[in-house]
Amino acid sequence: MKIVSAVALTAALTALSGVALAAGDAAAGKTLYGGSCASCHGMSAEGQGIFPKLAGHAVDDTLAKLKKYKAGEQVGANTAMMAPMAAGLSDADMANVAAYLATLK
């Protein structure tokens, strides 16, 4: 019984640590967004021209797209512009930007 409890606790803590990492830091994400993303997507991530609205996107969706861009995968019409932007982002940077975008309406 103690072994099962220890395994369950370890699994729960591992899952929670992943959630904490994925959650990101919205304040840090705001700073990064302002310096790297706002010129195309708008200061409030409202989108402009060919650049889509990012405000309010779910964290998981934003992370998935950024990871695909960083990996050089084709995501959409703007992949050629986004891939170099995502290339320099760490996993923490991506989580932070995603957390920030999720706070916007």
N, C-alpha and C. Protein backbone atom coordinates (compact mmCIF):
# COMPACT_ATOMS: atom_id res chain seq x y z
N MET A 1 0.82 -1.19 0.00
CA MET A 1 0.00 0.00 0.00
C MET A 1 0.87 1.26 0.00
N LYS A 2 1.96 1.24 0.79
CA LYS A 2 2.83 2.41 0.85
C LYS A 2 3.50 2.65 -0.49
N ILE A 3 3.85 1.59 -1.21
CA ILE A 3 4.49 1.74 -2.51
C ILE A 3 3.52 2.36 -3.50
N VAL A 4 2.27 1.91 -3.49
CA VAL A 4 1.25 2.46 -4.38
C VAL A 4 1.04 3.93 -4.08
N SER A 5 0.96 4.29 -2.81
CA SER A 5 0.79 5.68 -2.42
C SER A 5 1.97 6.53 -2.84
N ALA A 6 3.17 6.03 -2.70
CA ALA A 6 4.36 6.76 -3.10
C ALA A 6 4.38 6.97 -4.61
N VAL A 7 4.01 5.94 -5.35
CA VAL A 7 3.97 6.06 -6.81
C VAL A 7 2.91 7.07 -7.22
N ALA A 8 1.75 7.02 -6.58
CA ALA A 8 0.68 7.96 -6.90
C ALA A 8 1.10 9.39 -6.57
N LEU A 9 1.74 9.58 -5.44
CA LEU A 9 2.21 10.90 -5.06
C LEU A 9 3.25 11.42 -6.04
N THR A 10 4.18 10.57 -6.42
CA THR A 10 5.21 10.96 -7.39
C THR A 10 4.57 11.36 -8.71
N ALA A 11 3.61 10.57 -9.17
CA ALA A 11 2.93 10.88 -10.43
C ALA A 11 2.18 12.20 -10.33
N ALA A 12 1.51 12.43 -9.21
CA ALA A 12 0.77 13.67 -9.03
C ALA A 12 1.70 14.88 -9.01
N LEU A 13 2.80 14.78 -8.31
CA LEU A 13 3.76 15.88 -8.25
C LEU A 13 4.38 16.15 -9.61
N THR A 14 4.67 15.10 -10.34
CA THR A 14 5.22 15.27 -11.69
C THR A 14 4.21 15.98 -12.57
N ALA A 15 2.97 15.58 -12.50
CA ALA A 15 1.92 16.22 -13.30
C ALA A 15 1.76 17.68 -12.92
N LEU A 16 1.76 17.96 -11.63
CA LEU A 16 1.61 19.34 -11.17
C LEU A 16 2.79 20.20 -11.58
N SER A 17 4.00 19.66 -11.55
CA SER A 17 5.16 20.45 -11.96
C SER A 17 5.06 20.80 -13.43
N GLY A 18 4.53 19.89 -14.25
CA GLY A 18 4.32 20.17 -15.67
C GLY A 18 3.28 21.25 -15.88
N VAL A 19 2.23 21.22 -15.06
CA VAL A 19 1.19 22.24 -15.16
C VAL A 19 1.76 23.60 -14.78
N ALA A 20 2.55 23.63 -13.75
CA ALA A 20 3.15 24.90 -13.33
C ALA A 20 4.03 25.47 -14.42
N LEU A 21 4.83 24.62 -15.07
CA LEU A 21 5.71 25.09 -16.14
C LEU A 21 4.88 25.58 -17.31
N ALA A 22 3.85 24.81 -17.69
CA ALA A 22 3.02 25.17 -18.82
C ALA A 22 2.25 26.46 -18.56
N ALA A 23 1.94 26.73 -17.28
CA ALA A 23 1.17 27.91 -16.95
C ALA A 23 1.92 29.19 -17.30
N GLY A 24 3.21 29.20 -17.12
CA GLY A 24 4.00 30.37 -17.48
C GLY A 24 3.78 31.55 -16.57
N ASP A 25 4.48 32.61 -16.86
CA ASP A 25 4.44 33.85 -16.10
C ASP A 25 3.90 34.94 -17.03
N ALA A 26 2.66 35.32 -16.83
CA ALA A 26 2.00 36.28 -17.71
C ALA A 26 2.72 37.63 -17.74
N ALA A 27 3.27 38.06 -16.60
CA ALA A 27 3.97 39.35 -16.57
C ALA A 27 5.23 39.30 -17.44
N ALA A 28 5.97 38.21 -17.34
CA ALA A 28 7.16 38.06 -18.20
C ALA A 28 6.74 37.93 -19.66
N GLY A 29 5.62 37.26 -19.89
CA GLY A 29 5.11 37.11 -21.25
C GLY A 29 4.70 38.44 -21.86
N LYS A 30 4.15 39.32 -21.04
CA LYS A 30 3.76 40.64 -21.53
C LYS A 30 4.97 41.42 -22.01
N THR A 31 6.05 41.34 -21.26
CA THR A 31 7.28 42.03 -21.65
C THR A 31 7.83 41.47 -22.96
N LEU A 32 7.88 40.16 -23.05
CA LEU A 32 8.38 39.51 -24.26
C LEU A 32 7.47 39.82 -25.44
N TYR A 33 6.18 39.75 -25.24
CA TYR A 33 5.22 40.05 -26.31
C TYR A 33 5.42 41.48 -26.82
N GLY A 34 5.55 42.42 -25.90
CA GLY A 34 5.72 43.83 -26.30
C GLY A 34 6.96 44.06 -27.14
N GLY A 35 8.02 43.30 -26.87
CA GLY A 35 9.26 43.48 -27.60
C GLY A 35 9.37 42.68 -28.88
N SER A 36 8.59 41.60 -29.00
CA SER A 36 8.77 40.72 -30.15
C SER A 36 7.52 40.52 -31.01
N CYS A 37 6.36 40.69 -30.46
CA CYS A 37 5.14 40.28 -31.17
C CYS A 37 4.21 41.45 -31.51
N ALA A 38 4.23 42.48 -30.68
CA ALA A 38 3.24 43.55 -30.78
C ALA A 38 3.32 44.32 -32.09
N SER A 39 4.50 44.42 -32.68
CA SER A 39 4.62 45.21 -33.90
C SER A 39 3.78 44.62 -35.04
N CYS A 40 3.56 43.33 -35.03
CA CYS A 40 2.73 42.70 -36.07
C CYS A 40 1.31 42.40 -35.59
N HIS A 41 1.17 41.87 -34.39
CA HIS A 41 -0.14 41.43 -33.89
C HIS A 41 -0.89 42.51 -33.13
N GLY A 42 -0.28 43.66 -32.90
CA GLY A 42 -0.93 44.75 -32.19
C GLY A 42 -0.59 44.74 -30.70
N MET A 43 -0.60 45.91 -30.09
CA MET A 43 -0.21 46.04 -28.68
C MET A 43 -1.10 45.22 -27.75
N SER A 44 -2.35 45.04 -28.11
CA SER A 44 -3.27 44.26 -27.28
C SER A 44 -3.57 42.91 -27.90
N ALA A 45 -2.74 42.49 -28.84
CA ALA A 45 -2.88 41.19 -29.54
C ALA A 45 -4.21 41.09 -30.27
N GLU A 46 -4.72 42.26 -30.69
CA GLU A 46 -6.02 42.29 -31.37
C GLU A 46 -5.93 41.88 -32.84
N GLY A 47 -4.72 41.75 -33.34
CA GLY A 47 -4.53 41.40 -34.74
C GLY A 47 -4.60 42.64 -35.60
N GLN A 48 -3.90 42.59 -36.73
CA GLN A 48 -3.95 43.70 -37.68
C GLN A 48 -3.45 43.20 -39.03
N GLY A 49 -4.14 43.61 -40.06
CA GLY A 49 -3.77 43.18 -41.41
C GLY A 49 -3.78 41.67 -41.53
N ILE A 50 -2.68 41.11 -42.03
CA ILE A 50 -2.59 39.66 -42.22
C ILE A 50 -2.23 38.92 -40.94
N PHE A 51 -2.00 39.65 -39.87
CA PHE A 51 -1.59 39.04 -38.61
C PHE A 51 -2.80 38.80 -37.72
N PRO A 52 -3.04 37.57 -37.31
CA PRO A 52 -4.27 37.24 -36.60
C PRO A 52 -4.32 37.74 -35.16
N LYS A 53 -5.54 37.84 -34.68
CA LYS A 53 -5.79 38.14 -33.27
C LYS A 53 -5.25 36.98 -32.43
N LEU A 54 -4.53 37.29 -31.38
CA LEU A 54 -3.99 36.28 -30.46
C LEU A 54 -4.61 36.38 -29.08
N ALA A 55 -5.23 37.51 -28.79
CA ALA A 55 -5.82 37.74 -27.47
C ALA A 55 -6.86 36.67 -27.16
N GLY A 56 -6.76 36.12 -25.96
CA GLY A 56 -7.74 35.17 -25.49
C GLY A 56 -7.53 33.73 -25.95
N HIS A 57 -6.48 33.49 -26.74
CA HIS A 57 -6.23 32.11 -27.17
C HIS A 57 -5.86 31.25 -25.97
N ALA A 58 -6.26 30.01 -26.02
CA ALA A 58 -5.95 29.06 -24.95
C ALA A 58 -4.44 28.81 -24.90
N VAL A 59 -3.92 28.67 -23.70
CA VAL A 59 -2.48 28.45 -23.50
C VAL A 59 -1.98 27.27 -24.32
N ASP A 60 -2.69 26.15 -24.26
CA ASP A 60 -2.25 24.95 -24.97
C ASP A 60 -2.18 25.16 -26.47
N ASP A 61 -3.15 25.89 -27.03
CA ASP A 61 -3.16 26.15 -28.47
C ASP A 61 -1.97 27.03 -28.88
N THR A 62 -1.72 28.07 -28.11
CA THR A 62 -0.60 28.96 -28.41
C THR A 62 0.72 28.21 -28.30
N LEU A 63 0.87 27.43 -27.23
CA LEU A 63 2.11 26.65 -27.07
C LEU A 63 2.32 25.68 -28.22
N ALA A 64 1.28 25.00 -28.62
CA ALA A 64 1.39 24.02 -29.71
C ALA A 64 1.85 24.70 -31.00
N LYS A 65 1.28 25.86 -31.30
CA LYS A 65 1.66 26.57 -32.52
C LYS A 65 3.09 27.08 -32.44
N LEU A 66 3.45 27.67 -31.31
CA LEU A 66 4.83 28.18 -31.18
C LEU A 66 5.86 27.05 -31.30
N LYS A 67 5.56 25.91 -30.71
CA LYS A 67 6.48 24.77 -30.80
C LYS A 67 6.60 24.27 -32.24
N LYS A 68 5.49 24.27 -32.97
CA LYS A 68 5.54 23.86 -34.37
C LYS A 68 6.35 24.85 -35.19
N TYR A 69 6.13 26.14 -34.97
CA TYR A 69 6.92 27.16 -35.67
C TYR A 69 8.40 26.96 -35.38
N LYS A 70 8.73 26.78 -34.11
CA LYS A 70 10.13 26.62 -33.72
C LYS A 70 10.75 25.38 -34.37
N ALA A 71 9.96 24.32 -34.52
CA ALA A 71 10.45 23.07 -35.12
C ALA A 71 10.53 23.17 -36.65
N GLY A 72 10.04 24.27 -37.21
CA GLY A 72 10.08 24.45 -38.65
C GLY A 72 8.93 23.80 -39.39
N GLU A 73 7.89 23.42 -38.64
CA GLU A 73 6.73 22.80 -39.27
C GLU A 73 5.84 23.87 -39.91
N GLN A 74 5.18 23.51 -40.98
CA GLN A 74 4.24 24.41 -41.65
C GLN A 74 2.98 24.51 -40.79
N VAL A 75 2.62 25.71 -40.39
CA VAL A 75 1.45 25.92 -39.55
C VAL A 75 0.36 26.63 -40.33
N GLY A 76 0.74 27.59 -41.12
CA GLY A 76 -0.23 28.37 -41.88
C GLY A 76 0.48 29.30 -42.84
N ALA A 77 -0.26 30.25 -43.36
CA ALA A 77 0.27 31.17 -44.37
C ALA A 77 1.43 32.02 -43.86
N ASN A 78 1.49 32.27 -42.57
CA ASN A 78 2.53 33.14 -42.01
C ASN A 78 3.72 32.37 -41.43
N THR A 79 3.83 31.09 -41.72
CA THR A 79 4.91 30.28 -41.16
C THR A 79 6.28 30.86 -41.47
N ALA A 80 6.48 31.34 -42.68
CA ALA A 80 7.79 31.88 -43.06
C ALA A 80 8.19 33.08 -42.20
N MET A 81 7.20 33.83 -41.72
CA MET A 81 7.49 34.97 -40.85
C MET A 81 7.60 34.55 -39.40
N MET A 82 6.80 33.57 -39.00
CA MET A 82 6.77 33.17 -37.59
C MET A 82 7.91 32.24 -37.18
N ALA A 83 8.36 31.39 -38.06
CA ALA A 83 9.41 30.42 -37.70
C ALA A 83 10.66 31.11 -37.16
N PRO A 84 11.17 32.16 -37.81
CA PRO A 84 12.35 32.82 -37.25
C PRO A 84 12.07 33.51 -35.91
N MET A 85 10.83 33.98 -35.72
CA MET A 85 10.48 34.62 -34.45
C MET A 85 10.48 33.60 -33.32
N ALA A 86 9.96 32.41 -33.59
CA ALA A 86 9.86 31.37 -32.57
C ALA A 86 11.19 30.66 -32.33
N ALA A 87 12.07 30.71 -33.30
CA ALA A 87 13.34 29.96 -33.22
C ALA A 87 14.15 30.31 -31.98
N GLY A 88 14.12 31.56 -31.57
CA GLY A 88 14.92 31.99 -30.43
C GLY A 88 14.22 31.89 -29.08
N LEU A 89 12.99 31.39 -29.08
CA LEU A 89 12.24 31.30 -27.83
C LEU A 89 12.55 30.02 -27.08
N SER A 90 12.75 30.14 -25.79
CA SER A 90 12.89 28.95 -24.93
C SER A 90 11.50 28.41 -24.61
N ASP A 91 11.45 27.23 -24.02
CA ASP A 91 10.16 26.69 -23.59
C ASP A 91 9.50 27.62 -22.59
N ALA A 92 10.29 28.21 -21.69
CA ALA A 92 9.75 29.14 -20.70
C ALA A 92 9.21 30.39 -21.38
N ASP A 93 9.93 30.92 -22.38
CA ASP A 93 9.45 32.09 -23.12
C ASP A 93 8.09 31.80 -23.75
N MET A 94 7.98 30.63 -24.40
CA MET A 94 6.72 30.28 -25.05
C MET A 94 5.60 30.15 -24.03
N ALA A 95 5.88 29.54 -22.90
CA ALA A 95 4.87 29.40 -21.85
C ALA A 95 4.45 30.76 -21.30
N ASN A 96 5.41 31.67 -21.16
CA ASN A 96 5.11 33.00 -20.65
C ASN A 96 4.25 33.80 -21.61
N VAL A 97 4.59 33.78 -22.90
CA VAL A 97 3.79 34.50 -23.89
C VAL A 97 2.39 33.90 -23.96
N ALA A 98 2.30 32.59 -23.95
CA ALA A 98 0.99 31.93 -24.00
C ALA A 98 0.14 32.30 -22.79
N ALA A 99 0.76 32.36 -21.62
CA ALA A 99 0.04 32.74 -20.40
C ALA A 99 -0.47 34.17 -20.51
N TYR A 100 0.36 35.06 -21.04
CA TYR A 100 -0.05 36.46 -21.21
C TYR A 100 -1.22 36.58 -22.18
N LEU A 101 -1.12 35.93 -23.34
CA LEU A 101 -2.16 36.02 -24.34
C LEU A 101 -3.50 35.51 -23.82
N ALA A 102 -3.45 34.48 -22.99
CA ALA A 102 -4.67 33.92 -22.43
C ALA A 102 -5.38 34.88 -21.49
N THR A 103 -4.65 35.87 -20.95
CA THR A 103 -5.27 36.84 -20.03
C THR A 103 -6.02 37.94 -20.78
N LEU A 104 -5.78 38.08 -22.07
CA LEU A 104 -6.38 39.15 -22.85
C LEU A 104 -7.74 38.75 -23.38
N LYS A 105 -8.54 39.73 -23.69
CA LYS A 105 -9.89 39.47 -24.23
C LYS A 105 -9.92 39.78 -25.71
